[in-house]
N, C-alpha and C. Protein backbone atom coordinates (compact mmCIF):
# COMPACT_ATOMS: atom_id res chain seq x y z
N UNK A 1 -14.82 -12.87 14.89
CA UNK A 1 -14.17 -12.19 13.42
C UNK A 1 -13.54 -11.19 13.51
N UNK A 2 -12.57 -11.08 12.97
CA UNK A 2 -12.01 -9.48 13.59
C UNK A 2 -12.48 -8.28 12.94
N UNK A 3 -12.47 -7.29 13.54
CA UNK A 3 -12.86 -5.90 13.34
C UNK A 3 -12.39 -5.57 11.61
N UNK A 4 -11.16 -5.71 11.41
CA UNK A 4 -11.04 -5.62 9.97
C UNK A 4 -11.35 -6.24 9.11
N UNK A 5 -11.95 -7.55 9.39
CA UNK A 5 -12.46 -8.04 8.48
C UNK A 5 -13.86 -8.19 7.89
N UNK A 6 -14.39 -7.33 9.04
CA UNK A 6 -16.11 -6.70 9.33
C UNK A 6 -16.19 -5.59 8.25
N UNK A 7 -15.31 -4.58 9.04
CA UNK A 7 -14.89 -3.40 8.86
C UNK A 7 -14.26 -2.48 7.65
N UNK A 8 -13.42 -3.13 7.43
CA UNK A 8 -12.71 -3.05 6.20
C UNK A 8 -11.55 -1.76 6.86
N UNK A 9 -11.48 -1.42 7.78
CA UNK A 9 -10.83 0.04 8.71
C UNK A 9 -9.72 -0.52 9.00
N UNK A 10 -8.30 -0.02 9.13
CA UNK A 10 -7.35 -0.66 10.16
C UNK A 10 -7.69 0.41 11.39
N UNK A 11 -7.39 -0.32 12.79
CA UNK A 11 -7.73 0.45 13.75
C UNK A 11 -6.71 1.56 13.92
N UNK A 12 -6.94 2.64 14.21
CA UNK A 12 -6.07 3.62 14.66
C UNK A 12 -5.42 4.81 13.30
N UNK A 13 -6.23 4.00 12.47
CA UNK A 13 -5.78 4.99 10.62
C UNK A 13 -6.54 6.10 10.83
N UNK A 14 -5.67 7.23 10.25
CA UNK A 14 -6.75 8.11 10.04
C UNK A 14 -7.39 8.29 8.68
N UNK A 15 -8.82 8.35 8.35
CA UNK A 15 -9.63 7.86 7.34
C UNK A 15 -9.53 9.14 6.14
N UNK A 16 -8.96 8.72 5.08
CA UNK A 16 -8.99 9.99 4.04
C UNK A 16 -9.56 9.08 2.81
N UNK A 17 -11.02 8.82 2.56
CA UNK A 17 -11.55 8.39 1.72
C UNK A 17 -10.99 8.72 0.17
N UNK A 18 -10.70 7.69 -0.94
CA UNK A 18 -10.12 8.05 -1.89
C UNK A 18 -11.53 7.64 -2.57
N UNK A 19 -11.23 8.49 -3.88
CA UNK A 19 -12.86 8.07 -5.08
C UNK A 19 -11.74 6.82 -5.88
N UNK A 20 -10.84 6.53 -5.49
CA UNK A 20 -10.41 5.65 -6.97
C UNK A 20 -10.26 4.41 -6.37
N UNK A 21 -11.26 3.33 -6.24
CA UNK A 21 -11.55 2.40 -6.04
C UNK A 21 -12.76 1.49 -6.27
N UNK A 22 -13.18 0.46 -6.37
CA UNK A 22 -14.17 -0.45 -6.80
C UNK A 22 -14.17 -1.62 -5.98
N UNK A 23 -15.16 -2.08 -6.22
CA UNK A 23 -16.04 -3.66 -5.92
C UNK A 23 -14.85 -4.95 -6.50
N UNK A 24 -14.42 -5.47 -5.41
CA UNK A 24 -14.10 -6.60 -5.73
C UNK A 24 -14.79 -7.72 -6.39
N UNK A 25 -13.95 -8.44 -7.24
CA UNK A 25 -14.75 -9.39 -8.33
C UNK A 25 -15.13 -10.60 -6.65
N UNK A 26 -16.46 -10.87 -7.60
CA UNK A 26 -17.00 -12.23 -6.74
C UNK A 26 -16.08 -13.30 -6.78
N UNK A 27 -16.23 -14.05 -4.90
CA UNK A 27 -15.19 -15.13 -5.55
C UNK A 27 -13.57 -14.71 -5.66
N UNK A 28 -12.94 -13.58 -5.19
CA UNK A 28 -11.89 -13.19 -4.90
C UNK A 28 -11.48 -13.19 -3.98
N UNK A 29 -10.92 -13.84 -2.67
CA UNK A 29 -10.83 -13.43 -1.39
C UNK A 29 -9.27 -12.85 -1.19
N UNK A 30 -9.13 -12.00 -0.22
CA UNK A 30 -8.07 -11.39 0.02
C UNK A 30 -6.97 -12.64 0.19
N UNK A 31 -5.75 -12.30 -0.86
CA UNK A 31 -4.79 -13.53 -0.54
C UNK A 31 -3.18 -12.94 -0.67
N UNK A 32 -3.41 -11.57 -0.60
CA UNK A 32 -2.33 -11.55 -1.02
C UNK A 32 -2.01 -9.77 -0.60
N UNK A 33 -0.95 -9.47 -0.02
CA UNK A 33 -0.09 -7.75 0.79
C UNK A 33 0.73 -7.65 0.00
N UNK A 34 0.52 -6.58 -0.68
CA UNK A 34 1.43 -5.90 -1.66
C UNK A 34 2.09 -4.37 -0.36
N UNK A 35 3.34 -4.45 -1.14
CA UNK A 35 4.06 -3.38 -0.27
C UNK A 35 4.51 -2.43 -1.36
N UNK A 36 4.33 -1.13 -1.25
CA UNK A 36 4.72 -0.32 -2.24
C UNK A 36 6.03 0.83 -1.35
N UNK A 37 6.15 1.86 -2.24
CA UNK A 37 6.70 3.15 -1.76
C UNK A 37 6.27 4.15 -2.53
N UNK A 38 6.34 5.50 -2.27
CA UNK A 38 5.69 6.66 -2.89
C UNK A 38 6.53 8.19 -2.15
N UNK A 39 7.13 8.56 -2.62
CA UNK A 39 7.13 10.37 -2.03
C UNK A 39 7.07 11.62 -3.43
N UNK A 40 6.57 12.57 -2.51
CA UNK A 40 5.85 13.36 -3.36
C UNK A 40 5.78 14.96 -2.95
N UNK A 41 6.92 15.58 -3.74
CA UNK A 41 7.73 15.21 -5.21
C UNK A 41 8.69 13.83 -4.67
N UNK A 42 9.01 13.71 -6.05
CA UNK A 42 10.17 12.42 -5.83
C UNK A 42 10.98 12.35 -4.72
N UNK A 43 11.45 12.13 -3.67
CA UNK A 43 12.61 11.98 -3.41
C UNK A 43 12.60 12.78 -1.75
N UNK A 44 11.16 13.50 -1.78
CA UNK A 44 10.99 14.24 -0.48
C UNK A 44 10.06 13.91 0.16
N UNK A 45 9.65 14.14 1.67
CA UNK A 45 8.87 13.47 2.60
C UNK A 45 8.39 14.61 3.38
N UNK A 46 7.06 14.06 3.87
CA UNK A 46 6.20 15.22 4.40
C UNK A 46 5.10 15.64 3.46
N UNK A 47 4.53 16.81 4.11
CA UNK A 47 3.31 17.41 3.32
C UNK A 47 2.19 16.73 3.16
N UNK A 48 1.31 17.61 2.52
CA UNK A 48 -0.11 16.75 1.96
C UNK A 48 0.06 15.70 0.45
N UNK A 49 1.29 16.31 -0.04
CA UNK A 49 0.55 15.60 -1.60
C UNK A 49 0.35 14.41 -1.88
N UNK A 50 0.94 13.42 -0.89
CA UNK A 50 0.43 12.14 -1.41
C UNK A 50 -1.02 11.90 -0.79
N UNK A 51 -1.57 12.24 0.12
CA UNK A 51 -3.26 12.43 0.56
C UNK A 51 -3.39 12.81 -0.66
N UNK A 52 -3.46 14.02 -1.00
CA UNK A 52 -3.80 14.97 -2.02
C UNK A 52 -4.16 14.10 -3.41
N UNK A 53 -2.69 13.82 -4.23
CA UNK A 53 -2.96 12.43 -5.23
C UNK A 53 -3.55 11.46 -5.15
N UNK A 54 -3.68 10.38 -3.82
CA UNK A 54 -4.73 9.41 -3.88
C UNK A 54 -6.17 10.16 -3.75
N UNK A 55 -6.34 10.92 -3.65
CA UNK A 55 -7.56 11.74 -3.18
C UNK A 55 -8.10 12.88 -4.30
N UNK A 56 -7.05 12.43 -5.55
CA UNK A 56 -7.84 13.18 -6.87
C UNK A 56 -7.53 15.00 -6.33
N UNK A 57 -7.00 15.43 -5.58
CA UNK A 57 -6.81 16.66 -5.11
C UNK A 57 -5.63 18.02 -5.39
N UNK A 58 -4.29 17.18 -6.06
CA UNK A 58 -3.05 16.95 -5.95
C UNK A 58 -3.13 19.00 -6.80
N UNK A 59 -2.19 19.79 -5.80
CA UNK A 59 -2.25 20.65 -7.00
C UNK A 59 -1.12 20.98 -7.90
N UNK A 60 -1.47 20.95 -8.77
CA UNK A 60 -0.14 21.10 -9.71
C UNK A 60 0.61 21.96 -9.95
N UNK A 61 0.30 22.93 -9.17
CA UNK A 61 1.50 24.28 -9.47
C UNK A 61 2.06 24.63 -8.25
N UNK A 62 2.49 23.35 -7.34
CA UNK A 62 3.45 23.33 -5.90
C UNK A 62 4.64 22.60 -7.15
N UNK A 63 3.99 21.82 -7.75
CA UNK A 63 5.81 20.96 -8.02
C UNK A 63 5.60 21.13 -9.54
N UNK A 64 6.44 21.01 -10.64
CA UNK A 64 6.47 20.71 -11.98
C UNK A 64 6.24 19.28 -11.96
N UNK A 65 6.60 18.10 -11.16
CA UNK A 65 6.40 16.90 -11.48
C UNK A 65 4.82 16.62 -11.41
N UNK A 66 4.30 17.46 -10.66
CA UNK A 66 2.68 16.76 -10.15
C UNK A 66 1.75 16.93 -11.39
N UNK A 67 2.36 18.01 -12.26
CA UNK A 67 1.46 17.89 -13.67
C UNK A 67 1.64 17.09 -14.50
N UNK A 68 3.11 16.15 -14.54
CA UNK A 68 2.87 14.57 -15.14
C UNK A 68 2.24 13.69 -14.53
N UNK A 69 1.56 13.65 -13.22
CA UNK A 69 0.71 12.69 -12.60
C UNK A 69 -0.65 13.33 -12.33
N UNK A 70 -1.32 14.26 -12.88
CA UNK A 70 -1.91 14.93 -11.86
C UNK A 70 -3.84 14.07 -12.40
N UNK A 71 -3.52 13.58 -13.39
CA UNK A 71 -4.49 13.04 -14.23
C UNK A 71 -4.40 11.46 -14.02
N UNK A 72 -3.28 10.94 -13.36
CA UNK A 72 -3.47 9.72 -13.08
C UNK A 72 -4.75 9.25 -11.66
N UNK A 73 -5.42 8.45 -11.32
CA UNK A 73 -6.42 8.07 -10.85
C UNK A 73 -5.95 6.32 -10.01
N UNK A 74 -5.10 6.69 -8.58
CA UNK A 74 -4.68 5.77 -8.50
C UNK A 74 -5.00 6.07 -6.65
N UNK A 75 -4.84 4.86 -6.19
CA UNK A 75 -5.01 4.56 -4.53
C UNK A 75 -4.35 3.56 -4.14
N UNK A 76 -4.30 3.15 -2.66
CA UNK A 76 -3.66 2.28 -2.09
C UNK A 76 -4.84 1.97 -0.86
N UNK A 77 -4.71 1.34 -0.14
CA UNK A 77 -5.59 0.77 0.91
C UNK A 77 -4.94 1.70 2.41
N UNK A 78 -3.63 1.59 2.31
CA UNK A 78 -3.21 2.55 3.40
C UNK A 78 -1.85 3.18 3.54
N UNK A 79 -1.55 3.96 3.78
CA UNK A 79 -0.22 4.93 3.52
C UNK A 79 0.43 5.15 5.17
N UNK A 80 1.95 4.49 5.32
CA UNK A 80 2.76 4.78 6.34
C UNK A 80 3.31 6.01 6.30
N UNK A 81 3.38 6.57 7.15
CA UNK A 81 4.52 8.15 6.77
C UNK A 81 5.22 7.58 7.48
N UNK A 82 6.31 8.55 7.78
CA UNK A 82 7.91 8.29 8.14
C UNK A 82 7.66 8.48 9.63
N UNK A 83 6.81 8.84 10.27
CA UNK A 83 7.01 8.67 11.73
C UNK A 83 5.91 7.66 11.84
N UNK A 84 5.34 6.62 11.19
CA UNK A 84 4.58 5.58 11.60
C UNK A 84 2.96 5.79 11.66
N UNK A 85 2.88 7.03 11.20
CA UNK A 85 1.12 7.40 11.16
C UNK A 85 0.55 6.68 10.31
N UNK A 86 -0.58 6.18 10.32
CA UNK A 86 -0.94 5.53 9.06
C UNK A 86 -2.27 6.39 8.72
N UNK A 87 -2.58 6.43 7.31
CA UNK A 87 -3.38 6.91 6.66
C UNK A 87 -4.69 5.58 5.87
N UNK A 88 -5.65 5.57 5.91
CA UNK A 88 -5.92 4.88 5.32
C UNK A 88 -7.06 5.36 4.21
N UNK A 89 -7.25 4.96 2.89
CA UNK A 89 -7.75 5.54 1.72
C UNK A 89 -8.88 4.75 0.98
N UNK A 90 -8.62 3.48 1.42
CA UNK A 90 -9.61 2.54 0.41
C UNK A 90 -10.45 1.63 1.60
N UNK A 91 -11.35 1.14 2.06
CA UNK A 91 -11.77 -0.15 3.15
C UNK A 91 -11.26 -1.42 2.43
N UNK A 92 -10.38 -1.85 3.21
CA UNK A 92 -9.63 -3.08 2.55
C UNK A 92 -10.62 -4.14 2.06
N UNK A 93 -12.03 -4.20 2.43
CA UNK A 93 -12.93 -5.01 1.57
C UNK A 93 -13.43 -4.49 -0.20
N UNK A 94 -12.70 -3.72 -0.16
CA UNK A 94 -12.46 -3.01 -1.84
C UNK A 94 -11.68 -3.12 -2.20
N UNK A 95 -11.33 -2.97 -3.68
CA UNK A 95 -10.43 -2.70 -4.36
C UNK A 95 -9.64 -1.85 -4.28
N UNK A 96 -8.66 -1.47 -4.06
CA UNK A 96 -7.94 -0.09 -4.70
C UNK A 96 -7.31 -0.34 -5.65
N UNK A 97 -6.54 0.84 -5.99
CA UNK A 97 -6.31 0.80 -7.69
C UNK A 97 -4.58 1.33 -7.24
N UNK A 98 -3.97 0.04 -6.91
CA UNK A 98 -2.90 0.27 -6.62
C UNK A 98 -1.48 -0.72 -7.38
N UNK A 99 -1.86 -1.71 -7.94
CA UNK A 99 -1.28 -2.71 -8.68
C UNK A 99 -0.84 -2.57 -10.09
N UNK A 100 -1.81 -2.07 -10.58
CA UNK A 100 -1.59 -1.89 -12.29
C UNK A 100 -1.75 -3.03 -12.69
N UNK A 101 -1.32 -3.41 -14.18
CA UNK A 101 -0.85 -4.84 -14.38
C UNK A 101 0.11 -5.40 -13.87
N UNK A 102 -0.32 -6.68 -13.60
CA UNK A 102 0.31 -7.51 -12.08
C UNK A 102 -0.04 -8.73 -12.24
N UNK A 103 1.22 -9.39 -11.65
CA UNK A 103 0.14 -10.91 -11.22
C UNK A 103 1.55 -11.47 -10.44
N UNK A 104 1.14 -12.35 -9.68
CA UNK A 104 1.64 -12.89 -8.80
C UNK A 104 1.32 -14.61 -8.87
N UNK A 105 2.23 -15.48 -8.52
CA UNK A 105 2.11 -16.74 -8.70
C UNK A 105 1.45 -17.20 -10.07
N UNK A 106 1.00 -17.06 -11.06
CA UNK A 106 0.57 -17.21 -11.92
C UNK A 106 -0.54 -16.48 -12.28
N UNK A 107 -0.81 -15.82 -10.93
CA UNK A 107 -2.38 -15.45 -11.16
C UNK A 107 -2.60 -13.50 -11.42
N UNK A 108 -3.05 -12.98 -12.47
CA UNK A 108 -3.08 -11.74 -12.91
C UNK A 108 -3.70 -11.03 -12.44
N UNK A 109 -3.95 -9.49 -12.41
CA UNK A 109 -4.58 -8.53 -11.79
C UNK A 109 -4.43 -8.93 -10.09
N UNK A 110 -3.27 -8.17 -9.73
CA UNK A 110 -3.37 -8.46 -8.39
C UNK A 110 -4.45 -7.52 -7.64
N UNK A 111 -4.74 -5.97 -7.78
CA UNK A 111 -5.70 -5.54 -7.65
C UNK A 111 -6.80 -6.28 -6.58
N UNK A 112 -7.23 -7.39 -7.56
CA UNK A 112 -8.50 -7.85 -7.17
C UNK A 112 -8.73 -8.61 -5.99
N UNK A 113 -7.38 -9.08 -5.75
CA UNK A 113 -7.13 -10.57 -4.30
C UNK A 113 -5.70 -9.67 -3.44
N UNK A 114 -5.65 -8.49 -3.66
CA UNK A 114 -5.04 -8.11 -2.77
C UNK A 114 -4.95 -6.81 -1.59
N UNK A 115 -4.17 -6.67 -0.59
CA UNK A 115 -3.85 -5.35 0.13
C UNK A 115 -2.72 -4.68 -0.21
N UNK A 116 -2.89 -3.16 -0.79
CA UNK A 116 -1.64 -2.33 -1.02
C UNK A 116 -1.42 -1.43 0.13
N UNK A 117 -0.21 -1.84 0.14
CA UNK A 117 0.20 -0.91 1.72
C UNK A 117 1.58 -0.16 1.12
N UNK A 118 1.57 1.63 1.01
CA UNK A 118 2.27 2.05 0.79
C UNK A 118 3.24 2.50 1.80
N UNK A 119 4.61 2.83 1.39
CA UNK A 119 5.53 3.37 2.91
C UNK A 119 5.89 4.89 2.28
N UNK A 120 5.77 5.82 2.46
CA UNK A 120 6.59 7.29 2.46
C UNK A 120 8.25 6.95 2.04
N UNK A 121 8.65 6.53 1.42
CA UNK A 121 9.84 6.42 0.67
C UNK A 121 10.22 6.51 -0.62
N UNK A 122 11.75 6.13 -0.57
CA UNK A 122 12.12 5.64 -1.99
C UNK A 122 12.78 4.66 -2.29
N UNK A 123 13.14 3.87 -3.61
CA UNK A 123 13.62 2.55 -3.46
C UNK A 123 15.38 3.02 -2.47
N UNK A 124 16.17 3.53 -2.74
CA UNK A 124 16.95 3.61 -1.98
C UNK A 124 18.14 4.53 -0.54
N UNK A 125 16.24 4.86 0.07
CA UNK A 125 16.69 5.57 1.25
C UNK A 125 16.08 4.77 2.23
N UNK A 126 16.74 4.19 3.28
CA UNK A 126 16.02 3.61 4.04
C UNK A 126 14.99 3.69 5.15
N UNK A 127 14.24 3.19 5.17
CA UNK A 127 12.63 3.25 5.90
C UNK A 127 12.83 3.28 7.40
N UNK A 128 11.94 4.06 8.39
CA UNK A 128 12.31 4.06 9.47
C UNK A 128 11.90 3.26 10.28
N UNK A 129 12.28 2.78 11.57
CA UNK A 129 11.92 1.73 12.49
C UNK A 129 10.31 1.91 12.80
N UNK A 130 9.95 3.10 12.99
CA UNK A 130 8.12 3.48 13.27
C UNK A 130 7.59 3.14 12.08
N UNK A 131 7.97 2.98 11.01
CA UNK A 131 7.27 2.61 9.79
C UNK A 131 7.49 0.96 9.34
N UNK A 132 8.49 0.16 10.08
CA UNK A 132 8.43 -1.05 9.90
C UNK A 132 7.68 -1.56 10.66
N UNK A 133 7.31 -0.85 12.38
CA UNK A 133 6.46 -1.56 13.08
C UNK A 133 5.00 -1.13 13.04
N UNK A 134 4.98 -0.12 12.31
CA UNK A 134 3.84 0.07 11.70
C UNK A 134 3.02 -1.05 10.61
N UNK A 135 4.03 -0.92 9.71
CA UNK A 135 3.74 -2.20 8.54
C UNK A 135 3.31 -3.39 8.90
N UNK A 136 3.85 -3.80 9.94
CA UNK A 136 4.29 -5.35 10.83
C UNK A 136 2.56 -5.26 11.68
N UNK A 137 2.58 -4.34 12.10
CA UNK A 137 1.02 -4.35 13.04
C UNK A 137 -0.18 -4.48 11.64
N UNK A 138 -0.09 -3.65 10.42
CA UNK A 138 -1.01 -3.79 9.67
C UNK A 138 -1.43 -5.36 8.78
N UNK A 139 0.24 -5.60 8.69
CA UNK A 139 0.30 -6.94 8.33
C UNK A 139 -0.47 -8.11 8.65
N UNK A 140 -0.03 -8.12 10.08
CA UNK A 140 -0.49 -9.04 11.38
C UNK A 140 -2.09 -9.12 11.30
N UNK A 141 -2.64 -7.56 11.26
CA UNK A 141 -3.69 -7.91 11.09
C UNK A 141 -4.89 -8.22 10.19
N UNK A 142 -4.17 -7.85 8.52
CA UNK A 142 -4.56 -8.49 7.54
C UNK A 142 -4.10 -10.07 7.42
N UNK A 143 -3.24 -10.31 8.25
CA UNK A 143 -3.33 -12.41 8.04
C UNK A 143 -4.18 -12.63 9.10
N UNK A 144 -4.48 -12.20 10.17
CA UNK A 144 -5.42 -12.47 10.90
C UNK A 144 -6.90 -12.81 10.62
N UNK A 145 -7.02 -11.62 9.72
CA UNK A 145 -8.35 -11.28 9.03
C UNK A 145 -8.84 -12.21 7.92
N UNK A 146 -7.53 -12.44 7.27
CA UNK A 146 -7.67 -13.24 5.79
C UNK A 146 -6.28 -14.14 6.11
N UNK A 147 -6.52 -15.41 6.34
CA UNK A 147 -5.42 -16.23 6.66
C UNK A 147 -4.76 -17.06 5.25
N UNK A 148 -5.60 -16.40 4.13
CA UNK A 148 -4.81 -16.76 3.11
C UNK A 148 -3.52 -16.01 2.68
N UNK A 149 -3.08 -14.77 3.55
CA UNK A 149 -1.95 -13.97 3.49
C UNK A 149 -1.21 -14.56 4.60
N UNK A 150 -0.32 -15.37 4.32
CA UNK A 150 0.68 -15.65 4.90
C UNK A 150 2.27 -15.22 4.43
N UNK A 151 3.72 -15.22 5.39
CA UNK A 151 4.58 -14.84 5.06
C UNK A 151 4.93 -14.67 3.65
N UNK A 152 4.61 -15.91 2.80
CA UNK A 152 5.01 -16.10 1.87
C UNK A 152 4.34 -15.54 0.56
N UNK A 153 3.01 -14.85 1.07
CA UNK A 153 2.35 -13.97 0.28
C UNK A 153 2.50 -12.74 0.61
N UNK A 154 3.48 -12.11 1.07
CA UNK A 154 3.62 -10.85 1.03
C UNK A 154 4.56 -10.65 0.28
N UNK A 155 4.31 -9.44 -0.77
CA UNK A 155 5.23 -9.12 -1.81
C UNK A 155 5.23 -7.69 -1.96
N UNK A 156 6.82 -7.17 -2.80
CA UNK A 156 6.96 -5.60 -3.19
C UNK A 156 5.98 -5.87 -4.31
N UNK A 157 6.27 -4.39 -4.59
CA UNK A 157 5.22 -3.99 -6.26
C UNK A 157 6.83 -4.95 -7.24
N UNK A 158 7.29 -4.76 -6.51
CA UNK A 158 8.66 -5.06 -7.47
C UNK A 158 8.14 -6.69 -8.29
N UNK A 159 8.11 -7.27 -6.89
CA UNK A 159 7.63 -8.42 -7.14
C UNK A 159 6.24 -9.26 -8.25
N UNK A 160 5.65 -8.25 -8.26
CA UNK A 160 4.53 -8.52 -9.18
C UNK A 160 4.11 -7.60 -10.28
N UNK A 161 5.35 -6.69 -10.44
CA UNK A 161 5.26 -6.22 -11.97
C UNK A 161 6.62 -5.86 -12.43
N UNK A 162 7.45 -7.00 -12.54
CA UNK A 162 8.58 -7.10 -12.44
C UNK A 162 8.98 -6.17 -13.66
N UNK A 163 10.15 -5.52 -14.35
CA UNK A 163 10.41 -4.75 -15.34
C UNK A 163 9.77 -3.37 -15.23
N UNK A 164 8.64 -3.17 -14.63
CA UNK A 164 7.82 -2.29 -14.60
C UNK A 164 7.81 -1.40 -13.53
N UNK A 165 7.60 -1.75 -12.24
CA UNK A 165 8.07 -1.37 -10.94
C UNK A 165 9.36 -2.06 -9.82
N UNK A 166 9.99 -1.01 -9.44
CA UNK A 166 11.32 -1.49 -8.51
C UNK A 166 10.89 -1.21 -6.73
N UNK A 167 9.57 -0.93 -6.76
CA UNK A 167 9.34 -0.65 -4.93
C UNK A 167 8.65 -1.63 -4.52
N UNK A 168 9.64 -1.99 -3.11
CA UNK A 168 9.53 -0.99 -2.04
C UNK A 168 11.27 -0.71 -2.14
N UNK A 169 12.13 -1.38 -3.22
CA UNK A 169 13.29 -1.25 -3.64
C UNK A 169 14.44 -1.80 -2.35
N UNK A 170 16.05 -1.89 -3.09
CA UNK A 170 17.02 -2.57 -2.29
C UNK A 170 17.10 -1.83 -0.76
N UNK A 171 16.51 -0.22 -0.82
CA UNK A 171 16.25 0.15 1.09
C UNK A 171 15.59 -0.80 1.90
N UNK A 172 14.61 -1.41 1.28
CA UNK A 172 13.29 -2.23 2.07
C UNK A 172 14.23 -3.55 2.58
N UNK A 173 14.07 -3.42 3.58
CA UNK A 173 14.51 -4.06 4.87
C UNK A 173 13.76 -5.39 5.07
N UNK A 174 13.65 -6.68 3.78
CA UNK A 174 12.86 -7.69 4.21
C UNK A 174 13.02 -8.85 5.04
N UNK A 175 13.90 -8.94 5.48
CA UNK A 175 14.33 -9.92 6.59
C UNK A 175 13.75 -9.07 7.87
N UNK A 176 14.44 -7.75 8.12
CA UNK A 176 13.79 -7.17 9.73
C UNK A 176 12.51 -7.33 9.49
N UNK A 177 11.53 -6.93 8.17
CA UNK A 177 9.99 -6.91 8.70
C UNK A 177 9.65 -8.21 8.59
N UNK A 178 10.06 -9.25 8.05
CA UNK A 178 9.26 -10.72 8.38
C UNK A 178 9.69 -11.18 9.96
N UNK A 179 10.82 -10.31 10.28
CA UNK A 179 11.14 -11.40 11.59
C UNK A 179 9.71 -10.56 12.37
N UNK A 180 9.33 -8.96 12.25
CA UNK A 180 8.40 -8.59 13.16
C UNK A 180 6.89 -9.11 12.85
N UNK A 181 6.90 -10.34 12.41
CA UNK A 181 5.46 -10.73 11.77
C UNK A 181 5.51 -11.85 12.60
N UNK A 182 4.09 -12.24 12.90
CA UNK A 182 3.97 -13.58 13.83
C UNK A 182 3.86 -14.49 13.00
N UNK A 183 4.98 -15.69 13.86
CA UNK A 183 5.01 -17.30 13.17
C UNK A 183 3.89 -18.02 12.62
């Protein structure tokens, strides 16, 4: 049995526990991986802001945009920074709050049965090769731990919340990412 499936932790990820999570519903096996993007402030990279946001410690005095999101309680299982560093906020065994109102292949509430991975980025700026490599490593671990997550069950936030979300956006190279996954 894989370490990820028993511990819920990605090997090598820095653990940054978020209070924004809950138990998965009984009988909700993990069967989807959702790729997101985030940058805080929007379009800017680096700094502690994403970690602070997911951990409910965002300093609203740092940037005016932060006042508009400070009350949100959201999380993801992991974040891949621009240099490929991985931070983990929620155990994969638990339900992170990343998808919101969502549906995949006719099944609602994707948070119940998915793993959410954020990439530090924007819809229209290219992601780094280090991010693609780290994301493919995480996806490979998820697929090994939960075989219901297959290449066709890896989706963007835009795929599960169309019209509401656009990430990871046109800058995300799905073909390249999928070429890095196991057959």
